[in-house]
Amino acid sequence: MHLINCILQGLLTGVILSLMLGTVFFSLIKNSLHSGYKTGIFIASGVILCDIIFIALAILSTEFAEFLKNNQNTISLLGGLVLLIMGISMFLNAKPKPDVGKTFQSSSKNVLYFIGSGFLLNVLNPVNFFSWLAISSLLKVKLNYQINDQVIYFTACLFSIFVVEIAIAYFASLLKKWMTDKVVQRINQISGLVFAGVGIKLMLSF
């Protein structure tokens, strides 16, 4: 029964985290509209890779957690600045190009680019790490989860995040045939504003 609870709680947490309207959510929609749902799979893979590192550090490395806490202002400032620049660039270049999205060649260069994009979007926002750190602390202190319980919980959590993000990418790609250039431009502009907004919020939080 305890095992089932760990899995169900992990799955539910993953779904909630996936549906938060942050930079990853809008990046999945934007890139799936542009280049097909496969890009969403690669972006989600980058996100999961980053989350695995964050979770491992949250569980095992108290020294790294202390380092991030002590340097949270600097990390937030730098991460926010990068997201702000990305957001402004996306907003200014929102108009879709005629050939974008017609073909997506799954070359190693493209795959690594989208995986790296997902990883970068996750790692640039220190809030993501502190979310995992808070969840890990809650599991240890409030729920008395041992290391094995935490591994099961976080595995279920990452699984549901991956599945939900792929679903978001897939359903976004299905809408492509109804997307006019004007609608895609608006989506790109909204995505840019979200990136810039998150960046500004991070910069003002230090």
C-alpha atoms as a PDB file:
ATOM      1  CA  MET A   1       0.000   0.000   0.000  1.00  0.00           C
ATOM      2  CA  HIS A   2       2.855   2.365   0.863  1.00  0.00           C
ATOM      3  CA  LEU A   3       4.503   1.598  -2.481  1.00  0.00           C
ATOM      4  CA  ILE A   4       1.278   2.447  -4.335  1.00  0.00           C
ATOM      5  CA  ASN A   5       0.983   5.711  -2.385  1.00  0.00           C
ATOM      6  CA  CYS A   6       4.556   6.669  -3.335  1.00  0.00           C
ATOM      7  CA  ILE A   7       3.816   6.027  -7.003  1.00  0.00           C
ATOM      8  CA  LEU A   8       0.441   7.819  -7.043  1.00  0.00           C
ATOM      9  CA  GLN A   9       1.779  10.844  -5.175  1.00  0.00           C
ATOM     10  CA  GLY A  10       4.747  11.021  -7.542  1.00  0.00           C
ATOM     11  CA  LEU A  11       2.521  10.786 -10.627  1.00  0.00           C
ATOM     12  CA  LEU A  12       0.212  13.522  -9.339  1.00  0.00           C
ATOM     13  CA  THR A  13       3.124  15.829  -8.490  1.00  0.00           C
ATOM     14  CA  GLY A  14       4.570  15.319 -11.966  1.00  0.00           C
ATOM     15  CA  VAL A  15       1.284  16.223 -13.657  1.00  0.00           C
ATOM     16  CA  ILE A  16       0.956  19.403 -11.586  1.00  0.00           C
ATOM     17  CA  LEU A  17       4.536  20.472 -12.316  1.00  0.00           C
ATOM     18  CA  SER A  18       4.101  19.771 -16.042  1.00  0.00           C
ATOM     19  CA  LEU A  19       1.011  21.954 -16.371  1.00  0.00           C
ATOM     20  CA  MET A  20       2.559  25.023 -14.782  1.00  0.00           C
ATOM     21  CA  LEU A  21       2.580  27.732 -17.473  1.00  0.00           C
ATOM     22  CA  GLY A  22       6.292  28.390 -17.475  1.00  0.00           C
ATOM     23  CA  THR A  23       9.005  28.632 -20.108  1.00  0.00           C
ATOM     24  CA  VAL A  24       9.119  24.878 -20.779  1.00  0.00           C
ATOM     25  CA  PHE A  25       5.354  24.701 -21.384  1.00  0.00           C
ATOM     26  CA  PHE A  26       5.421  27.478 -23.977  1.00  0.00           C
ATOM     27  CA  SER A  27       8.630  26.185 -25.530  1.00  0.00           C
ATOM     28  CA  LEU A  28       6.956  22.807 -26.089  1.00  0.00           C
ATOM     29  CA  ILE A  29       3.995  24.446 -27.827  1.00  0.00           C
ATOM     30  CA  LYS A  30       6.111  26.854 -29.870  1.00  0.00           C
ATOM     31  CA  ASN A  31       8.569  24.256 -31.156  1.00  0.00           C
ATOM     32  CA  SER A  32       5.898  21.607 -31.770  1.00  0.00           C
ATOM     33  CA  LEU A  33       3.989  24.067 -33.941  1.00  0.00           C
ATOM     34  CA  HIS A  34       7.144  24.994 -35.799  1.00  0.00           C
ATOM     35  CA  SER A  35       8.880  21.659 -36.209  1.00  0.00           C
ATOM     36  CA  GLY A  36       6.539  18.845 -35.177  1.00  0.00           C
ATOM     37  CA  TYR A  37       5.875  16.967 -31.954  1.00  0.00           C
ATOM     38  CA  LYS A  38       9.197  15.091 -32.109  1.00  0.00           C
ATOM     39  CA  THR A  39      10.946  18.256 -31.023  1.00  0.00           C
ATOM     40  CA  GLY A  40       8.781  18.146 -27.895  1.00  0.00           C
ATOM     41  CA  ILE A  41      10.112  14.672 -27.118  1.00  0.00           C
ATOM     42  CA  PHE A  42      13.668  15.955 -27.288  1.00  0.00           C
ATOM     43  CA  ILE A  43      12.903  19.075 -25.250  1.00  0.00           C
ATOM     44  CA  ALA A  44      11.162  16.913 -22.623  1.00  0.00           C
ATOM     45  CA  SER A  45      14.223  14.631 -22.573  1.00  0.00           C
ATOM     46  CA  GLY A  46      16.438  17.612 -21.804  1.00  0.00           C
ATOM     47  CA  VAL A  47      14.090  18.718 -19.041  1.00  0.00           C
ATOM     48  CA  ILE A  48      14.071  15.240 -17.493  1.00  0.00           C
ATOM     49  CA  LEU A  49      17.868  14.992 -17.692  1.00  0.00           C
ATOM     50  CA  CYS A  50      18.171  18.280 -15.823  1.00  0.00           C
ATOM     51  CA  ASP A  51      15.534  17.216 -13.288  1.00  0.00           C
ATOM     52  CA  ILE A  52      17.383  13.959 -12.607  1.00  0.00           C
ATOM     53  CA  ILE A  53      20.516  15.951 -11.780  1.00  0.00           C
ATOM     54  CA  PHE A  54      18.537  18.389  -9.621  1.00  0.00           C
ATOM     55  CA  ILE A  55      16.804  15.576  -7.731  1.00  0.00           C
ATOM     56  CA  ALA A  56      20.057  13.682  -7.138  1.00  0.00           C
ATOM     57  CA  LEU A  57      21.676  16.841  -5.791  1.00  0.00           C
ATOM     58  CA  ALA A  58      18.625  17.657  -3.666  1.00  0.00           C
ATOM     59  CA  ILE A  59      18.689  14.186  -2.088  1.00  0.00           C
ATOM     60  CA  LEU A  60      22.411  13.545  -1.801  1.00  0.00           C
ATOM     61  CA  SER A  61      24.352  16.807  -1.867  1.00  0.00           C
ATOM     62  CA  THR A  62      23.720  19.083   1.087  1.00  0.00           C
ATOM     63  CA  GLU A  63      26.906  20.989   0.196  1.00  0.00           C
ATOM     64  CA  PHE A  64      25.600  21.879  -3.259  1.00  0.00           C
ATOM     65  CA  ALA A  65      22.253  22.894  -1.819  1.00  0.00           C
ATOM     66  CA  GLU A  66      24.049  25.222   0.597  1.00  0.00           C
ATOM     67  CA  PHE A  67      26.133  26.644  -2.253  1.00  0.00           C
ATOM     68  CA  LEU A  68      22.990  27.465  -4.242  1.00  0.00           C
ATOM     69  CA  LYS A  69      21.327  29.009  -1.218  1.00  0.00           C
ATOM     70  CA  ASN A  70      24.370  31.184  -0.521  1.00  0.00           C
ATOM     71  CA  ASN A  71      24.620  32.277  -4.165  1.00  0.00           C
ATOM     72  CA  GLN A  72      20.920  32.390  -4.984  1.00  0.00           C
ATOM     73  CA  ASN A  73      20.991  36.110  -5.803  1.00  0.00           C
ATOM     74  CA  THR A  74      23.793  35.792  -8.356  1.00  0.00           C
ATOM     75  CA  ILE A  75      22.273  32.689  -9.946  1.00  0.00           C
ATOM     76  CA  SER A  76      18.852  34.334 -10.175  1.00  0.00           C
ATOM     77  CA  LEU A  77      20.343  37.471 -11.721  1.00  0.00           C
ATOM     78  CA  LEU A  78      22.333  35.591 -14.381  1.00  0.00           C
ATOM     79  CA  GLY A  79      19.545  33.118 -15.164  1.00  0.00           C
ATOM     80  CA  GLY A  80      16.993  35.923 -15.335  1.00  0.00           C
ATOM     81  CA  LEU A  81      19.199  37.954 -17.671  1.00  0.00           C
ATOM     82  CA  VAL A  82      19.598  35.046 -20.092  1.00  0.00           C
ATOM     83  CA  LEU A  83      15.837  34.341 -20.101  1.00  0.00           C
ATOM     84  CA  LEU A  84      15.117  38.036 -20.628  1.00  0.00           C
ATOM     85  CA  ILE A  85      17.422  38.174 -23.658  1.00  0.00           C
ATOM     86  CA  MET A  86      15.878  34.981 -25.046  1.00  0.00           C
ATOM     87  CA  GLY A  87      12.376  36.384 -24.525  1.00  0.00           C
ATOM     88  CA  ILE A  88      13.136  39.680 -26.252  1.00  0.00           C
ATOM     89  CA  SER A  89      14.727  37.826 -29.166  1.00  0.00           C
ATOM     90  CA  MET A  90      11.686  35.530 -29.500  1.00  0.00           C
ATOM     91  CA  PHE A  91       9.286  38.483 -29.380  1.00  0.00           C
ATOM     92  CA  LEU A  92      11.175  40.492 -31.983  1.00  0.00           C
ATOM     93  CA  ASN A  93      11.513  37.478 -34.291  1.00  0.00           C
ATOM     94  CA  ALA A  94       7.963  36.200 -33.765  1.00  0.00           C
ATOM     95  CA  LYS A  95       6.925  36.330 -37.413  1.00  0.00           C
ATOM     96  CA  PRO A  96       7.082  32.756 -38.777  1.00  0.00           C
ATOM     97  CA  LYS A  97       9.333  31.964 -41.713  1.00  0.00           C
ATOM     98  CA  PRO A  98       7.660  30.332 -44.738  1.00  0.00           C
ATOM     99  CA  ASP A  99       9.699  27.136 -44.547  1.00  0.00           C
ATOM    100  CA  VAL A 100       9.650  26.639 -40.779  1.00  0.00           C
ATOM    101  CA  GLY A 101       8.033  23.401 -39.680  1.00  0.00           C
ATOM    102  CA  LYS A 102       7.598  21.860 -43.118  1.00  0.00           C
ATOM    103  CA  THR A 103      10.362  19.362 -42.516  1.00  0.00           C
ATOM    104  CA  PHE A 104      12.210  18.217 -39.464  1.00  0.00           C
ATOM    105  CA  GLN A 105      15.310  16.178 -40.155  1.00  0.00           C
ATOM    106  CA  SER A 106      16.154  14.221 -37.024  1.00  0.00           C
ATOM    107  CA  SER A 107      19.900  14.743 -37.359  1.00  0.00           C
ATOM    108  CA  SER A 108      22.154  14.504 -34.332  1.00  0.00           C
ATOM    109  CA  LYS A 109      22.666  18.268 -34.529  1.00  0.00           C
ATOM    110  CA  ASN A 110      18.926  19.004 -34.304  1.00  0.00           C
ATOM    111  CA  VAL A 111      18.353  16.394 -31.595  1.00  0.00           C
ATOM    112  CA  LEU A 112      21.158  17.750 -29.422  1.00  0.00           C
ATOM    113  CA  TYR A 113      19.892  21.306 -29.982  1.00  0.00           C
ATOM    114  CA  PHE A 114      16.392  20.546 -28.694  1.00  0.00           C
ATOM    115  CA  ILE A 115      17.637  18.373 -25.820  1.00  0.00           C
ATOM    116  CA  GLY A 116      20.021  21.170 -24.887  1.00  0.00           C
ATOM    117  CA  SER A 117      17.184  23.709 -25.107  1.00  0.00           C
ATOM    118  CA  GLY A 118      15.064  21.731 -22.641  1.00  0.00           C
ATOM    119  CA  PHE A 119      18.028  21.285 -20.310  1.00  0.00           C
ATOM    120  CA  LEU A 120      18.956  24.975 -20.512  1.00  0.00           C
ATOM    121  CA  LEU A 121      15.429  26.241 -19.882  1.00  0.00           C
ATOM    122  CA  ASN A 122      15.259  24.092 -16.754  1.00  0.00           C
ATOM    123  CA  VAL A 123      18.701  24.883 -15.404  1.00  0.00           C
ATOM    124  CA  LEU A 124      18.439  28.651 -15.966  1.00  0.00           C
ATOM    125  CA  ASN A 125      15.593  28.935 -13.480  1.00  0.00           C
ATOM    126  CA  PRO A 126      16.919  28.213  -9.961  1.00  0.00           C
ATOM    127  CA  VAL A 127      13.314  27.958  -8.760  1.00  0.00           C
ATOM    128  CA  ASN A 128      13.236  24.485 -10.342  1.00  0.00           C
ATOM    129  CA  PHE A 129      16.046  23.204  -8.147  1.00  0.00           C
ATOM    130  CA  PHE A 130      14.595  24.729  -5.004  1.00  0.00           C
ATOM    131  CA  SER A 131      11.242  23.152  -5.845  1.00  0.00           C
ATOM    132  CA  TRP A 132      12.853  19.717  -5.904  1.00  0.00           C
ATOM    133  CA  LEU A 133      14.769  20.556  -2.729  1.00  0.00           C
ATOM    134  CA  ALA A 134      11.533  21.565  -0.994  1.00  0.00           C
ATOM    135  CA  ILE A 135       9.762  18.406  -2.166  1.00  0.00           C
ATOM    136  CA  SER A 136      12.683  16.252  -1.011  1.00  0.00           C
ATOM    137  CA  SER A 137      12.660  17.950   2.408  1.00  0.00           C
ATOM    138  CA  LEU A 138       8.899  17.456   2.697  1.00  0.00           C
ATOM    139  CA  LEU A 139       9.237  13.754   1.915  1.00  0.00           C
ATOM    140  CA  LYS A 140      11.960  13.323   4.520  1.00  0.00           C
ATOM    141  CA  VAL A 141      10.572  15.458   7.333  1.00  0.00           C
ATOM    142  CA  LYS A 142       6.786  15.249   7.006  1.00  0.00           C
ATOM    143  CA  LEU A 143       6.237  11.877   5.357  1.00  0.00           C
ATOM    144  CA  ASN A 144       9.300  10.068   6.740  1.00  0.00           C
ATOM    145  CA  TYR A 145      10.224   8.723   3.307  1.00  0.00           C
ATOM    146  CA  GLN A 146      13.432   6.711   3.248  1.00  0.00           C
ATOM    147  CA  ILE A 147      15.816   6.908   0.306  1.00  0.00           C
ATOM    148  CA  ASN A 148      14.131   3.965  -1.451  1.00  0.00           C
ATOM    149  CA  ASP A 149      10.719   5.609  -1.070  1.00  0.00           C
ATOM    150  CA  GLN A 150      12.075   8.865  -2.491  1.00  0.00           C
ATOM    151  CA  VAL A 151      13.579   7.088  -5.502  1.00  0.00           C
ATOM    152  CA  ILE A 152      10.190   5.469  -6.260  1.00  0.00           C
ATOM    153  CA  TYR A 153       8.350   8.772  -5.754  1.00  0.00           C
ATOM    154  CA  PHE A 154      10.706  10.792  -7.957  1.00  0.00           C
ATOM    155  CA  THR A 155      10.809   8.098 -10.650  1.00  0.00           C
ATOM    156  CA  ALA A 156       7.005   8.207 -10.882  1.00  0.00           C
ATOM    157  CA  CYS A 157       7.144  11.997 -10.845  1.00  0.00           C
ATOM    158  CA  LEU A 158       9.638  12.163 -13.730  1.00  0.00           C
ATOM    159  CA  PHE A 159       7.674   9.582 -15.698  1.00  0.00           C
ATOM    160  CA  SER A 160       4.473  11.612 -15.514  1.00  0.00           C
ATOM    161  CA  ILE A 161       6.329  14.845 -16.372  1.00  0.00           C
ATOM    162  CA  PHE A 162       7.790  13.193 -19.473  1.00  0.00           C
ATOM    163  CA  VAL A 163       4.446  11.736 -20.586  1.00  0.00           C
ATOM    164  CA  VAL A 164       2.485  14.954 -20.012  1.00  0.00           C
ATOM    165  CA  GLU A 165       5.068  17.090 -21.817  1.00  0.00           C
ATOM    166  CA  ILE A 166       5.054  14.740 -24.807  1.00  0.00           C
ATOM    167  CA  ALA A 167       1.241  14.896 -24.804  1.00  0.00           C
ATOM    168  CA  ILE A 168       1.373  18.705 -24.767  1.00  0.00           C
ATOM    169  CA  ALA A 169       3.767  18.668 -27.717  1.00  0.00           C
ATOM    170  CA  TYR A 170       1.683  16.130 -29.634  1.00  0.00           C
ATOM    171  CA  PHE A 171      -1.643  17.917 -29.230  1.00  0.00           C
ATOM    172  CA  ALA A 172      -0.003  21.251 -30.044  1.00  0.00           C
ATOM    173  CA  SER A 173       1.310  19.759 -33.310  1.00  0.00           C
ATOM    174  CA  LEU A 174      -2.231  18.589 -34.214  1.00  0.00           C
ATOM    175  CA  LEU A 175      -3.409  22.193 -34.127  1.00  0.00           C
ATOM    176  CA  LYS A 176      -0.838  23.197 -36.696  1.00  0.00           C
ATOM    177  CA  LYS A 177      -3.157  22.927 -39.698  1.00  0.00           C
ATOM    178  CA  TRP A 178      -5.472  25.518 -38.125  1.00  0.00           C
ATOM    179  CA  MET A 179      -2.622  27.899 -37.352  1.00  0.00           C
ATOM    180  CA  THR A 180      -2.352  30.924 -39.593  1.00  0.00           C
ATOM    181  CA  ASP A 181       0.861  32.937 -39.723  1.00  0.00           C
ATOM    182  CA  LYS A 182      -0.801  35.581 -37.565  1.00  0.00           C
ATOM    183  CA  VAL A 183      -1.787  33.078 -34.849  1.00  0.00           C
ATOM    184  CA  VAL A 184       1.697  31.518 -34.819  1.00  0.00           C
ATOM    185  CA  GLN A 185       3.193  34.993 -34.552  1.00  0.00           C
ATOM    186  CA  ARG A 186       0.987  35.737 -31.541  1.00  0.00           C
ATOM    187  CA  ILE A 187       1.986  32.447 -29.893  1.00  0.00           C
ATOM    188  CA  ASN A 188       5.650  33.270 -30.469  1.00  0.00           C
ATOM    189  CA  GLN A 189       5.121  36.717 -28.982  1.00  0.00           C
ATOM    190  CA  ILE A 190       3.353  35.267 -25.932  1.00  0.00           C
ATOM    191  CA  SER A 191       6.166  32.762 -25.494  1.00  0.00           C
ATOM    192  CA  GLY A 192       8.691  35.588 -25.687  1.00  0.00           C
ATOM    193  CA  LEU A 193       6.772  37.602 -23.110  1.00  0.00           C
ATOM    194  CA  VAL A 194       6.622  34.590 -20.764  1.00  0.00           C
ATOM    195  CA  PHE A 195      10.382  34.060 -21.073  1.00  0.00           C
ATOM    196  CA  ALA A 196      11.050  37.767 -20.508  1.00  0.00           C
ATOM    197  CA  GLY A 197       8.574  37.908 -17.627  1.00  0.00           C
ATOM    198  CA  VAL A 198      10.163  34.961 -15.837  1.00  0.00           C
ATOM    199  CA  GLY A 199      13.576  36.517 -16.437  1.00  0.00           C
ATOM    200  CA  ILE A 200      12.525  39.859 -14.977  1.00  0.00           C
ATOM    201  CA  LYS A 201      10.904  38.132 -11.988  1.00  0.00           C
ATOM    202  CA  LEU A 202      14.135  36.247 -11.282  1.00  0.00           C
ATOM    203  CA  MET A 203      16.231  39.394 -11.622  1.00  0.00           C
ATOM    204  CA  LEU A 204      13.972  41.333  -9.237  1.00  0.00           C
ATOM    205  CA  SER A 205      13.958  38.522  -6.671  1.00  0.00           C
ATOM    206  CA  PHE A 206      17.621  38.905  -5.688  1.00  0.00           C
END
